[in-house]
Amino acid sequence: MISFLLAAFAAVLLFGAGNPAQAQANAPATAGPMANPAAEYRLGSGDVIRINVFQNPDLTLESRITEAGIVSYPLLGNVRLGGLSVTAAEKLVSDGLRNGNFVKQPQVTIVVLQVRGNQASVLGQVNRPGRYPIEVADMRLSDMLATAGGAAPQGSDIVVVTGVREGKPFRYEVDLPTIFAPGGREKDILILNGDTIWVDRQPLVYIYGEVQRPGPMRLERDMTLLQTLASGGGLTLRGTVKGIKVHRKAADGSITVIEPQMTDKLREGDVVFVRESLF
């Protein structure tokens, strides 16, 4: 009786190891992004792929997916792989070879050599603007900005993502530092094919008169008049903090002249004038 049970157990192990599909079906479900088929990369038009069939080197093919999403594969003819995940594409080729009695137990592997079908543009004040491939399905805004070398020193904290979602125009504006704050993960949105990421120039203020370094300067977050004067190197020996004026442009284009306190916050485009002391 014991020898019979041992023989049966060995048979299960043998046949289970020889059938990868059955072994995968019997394997316990695992958590994580790869457990969700929707999170897997989907092949797109222009992608260059390599198709391998285990122990069948004559069926190896390197090809570019056409604009129609088709690859011409030996024995099967035109196969539509565009829009499929890599796993689904492997199964489609495998089923075709098996159902056509070309290979009894085909083990098909597809490798993406070049990503051309799924791309997004990163423009504006980044270190390497351009068009970049979306190599993984869960590529997020921060990932794409890192691919472009990150925001340039003159780049703004405000980043705008435009594209199409569910057939409708999509626009999303995010304050980049908030992504890395507690609970900011949801603001780090997924980037999809055809999206454009725009990093604007950092807002500027202008300072002139009796300061050490007059001219335009970066307007930091919640920057006060005092901080602006410090960024300009401080006042000259002839300068005075009395009577400092700020010229501010309104939405209708009119200019308002104000005399702010040192702790007042400046706005984008403000022009600060520092007077000369009379004594």
Foldseek 3Di string as FASTA:
>chain_A
DVVVVVVVVVVCVVVCVVAVVNVVVPDDQDDDQVSDLLFADAAFAQWWKWKDWPPCRVQIDTDGQHNQQWDQGPPQGTDRRGGHGQVVVQVVVQCSCCVVVNDPRTDMHMDTPDADGFWEFEDEQAQAGDIDHPPTSQQWPVNVCVVRVHGHPQWAQKKWKWDDDPRHTDIDIDRNVQCPPVPNVVVRHGDTGYMYMYTYTAFWEFEDEFAQAGGIDGQDPQDFQLNVSVVSVHGHPFWDLPPKWKWDADPVGDTDIDNDDRNHGDDGHIYIYIYGHPD
